[in-house]
Amino acid sequence: MTVAETISEFIKEKFDIGDDPDFTNDVHLFNEGFVDSFGAVEIIHFVEETYGISITQKDITLFPMNTVNEIAAVVESKQ
């Protein structure tokens, strides 16, 4: 399973998205209402624990992490 697939599955399960056709790896998670700010913290915690990385405040400021693919790109850059 790729990083993006793992993150996508986590988000679908955690936030009860199921098979919503509007949910893709490129959809803006926050603007489209799939995840709120508390959910963002949960996603960051998940990727830190799953991949043994640290997402810093600087990372959050420097890199867009609004879609599954953007989050996956940051994770892959830190591995």
Protein backbone atom coordinates (compact mmCIF):
# COMPACT_ATOMS: atom_id res chain seq x y z
CA MET A 1 0.00 0.00 0.00
CA THR A 2 1.37 3.45 -0.89
CA VAL A 3 1.65 6.31 1.59
CA ALA A 4 -1.28 8.08 -0.10
CA GLU A 5 -3.42 4.92 0.02
CA THR A 6 -2.65 4.42 3.71
CA ILE A 7 -3.53 8.03 4.56
CA SER A 8 -6.67 7.91 2.44
CA GLU A 9 -7.89 4.74 4.15
CA PHE A 10 -7.20 6.22 7.59
CA ILE A 11 -9.17 9.38 6.74
CA LYS A 12 -12.09 7.43 5.25
CA GLU A 13 -12.37 5.24 8.33
CA LYS A 14 -11.63 7.86 10.99
CA PHE A 15 -13.97 10.50 9.60
CA ASP A 16 -16.69 8.11 8.37
CA ILE A 17 -16.37 9.14 4.71
CA GLY A 18 -17.01 5.72 3.23
CA ASP A 19 -17.37 5.66 -0.55
CA ASP A 20 -18.28 9.33 -1.02
CA PRO A 21 -17.64 9.99 -4.73
CA ASP A 22 -16.42 13.52 -3.94
CA PHE A 23 -13.56 12.18 -1.82
CA THR A 24 -10.37 11.76 -3.85
CA ASN A 25 -6.67 12.07 -3.07
CA ASP A 26 -6.73 15.56 -4.59
CA VAL A 27 -9.82 16.99 -2.87
CA HIS A 28 -9.21 19.83 -0.38
CA LEU A 29 -10.01 18.05 2.87
CA PHE A 30 -10.83 21.21 4.80
CA ASN A 31 -12.65 23.35 2.23
CA GLU A 32 -14.88 20.43 1.29
CA GLY A 33 -15.69 19.65 4.92
CA PHE A 34 -14.21 16.17 5.13
CA VAL A 35 -11.87 17.16 8.00
CA ASP A 36 -11.79 20.02 10.50
CA SER A 37 -8.86 21.46 12.45
CA PHE A 38 -9.14 18.81 15.16
CA GLY A 39 -9.03 16.18 12.43
CA ALA A 40 -5.86 17.74 11.06
CA VAL A 41 -4.18 17.10 14.40
CA GLU A 42 -5.34 13.47 14.28
CA ILE A 43 -3.97 13.03 10.75
CA ILE A 44 -0.60 14.51 11.73
CA HIS A 45 -0.43 12.23 14.76
CA PHE A 46 -1.32 9.22 12.58
CA VAL A 47 1.41 9.88 10.01
CA GLU A 48 3.99 10.61 12.71
CA GLU A 49 3.22 7.33 14.48
CA THR A 50 2.81 5.25 11.33
CA TYR A 51 5.94 6.45 9.56
CA GLY A 52 8.17 7.36 12.51
CA ILE A 53 8.57 10.97 11.40
CA SER A 54 8.00 14.36 12.98
CA ILE A 55 5.80 17.02 11.39
CA THR A 56 6.94 20.34 12.81
CA GLN A 57 5.17 23.68 12.97
CA LYS A 58 7.63 24.83 10.31
CA ASP A 59 6.51 21.96 8.04
CA ILE A 60 2.88 22.98 8.51
CA THR A 61 3.76 26.55 7.55
CA LEU A 62 6.04 25.74 4.62
CA PHE A 63 4.22 22.85 2.94
CA PRO A 64 0.59 22.68 1.89
CA MET A 65 -1.08 19.68 3.48
CA ASN A 66 -4.66 20.11 2.37
CA THR A 67 -5.07 16.97 0.27
CA VAL A 68 -4.13 13.34 0.73
CA ASN A 69 -1.50 13.67 -2.00
CA GLU A 70 0.03 16.78 -0.40
CA ILE A 71 0.22 15.06 2.99
CA ALA A 72 1.75 11.96 1.38
CA ALA A 73 4.37 14.09 -0.40
CA VAL A 74 5.47 15.64 2.91
CA VAL A 75 5.63 12.21 4.57
CA GLU A 76 7.68 10.78 1.70
CA SER A 77 10.08 13.72 1.81
CA LYS A 78 10.77 13.01 5.50
CA GLN A 79 11.44 9.28 5.13
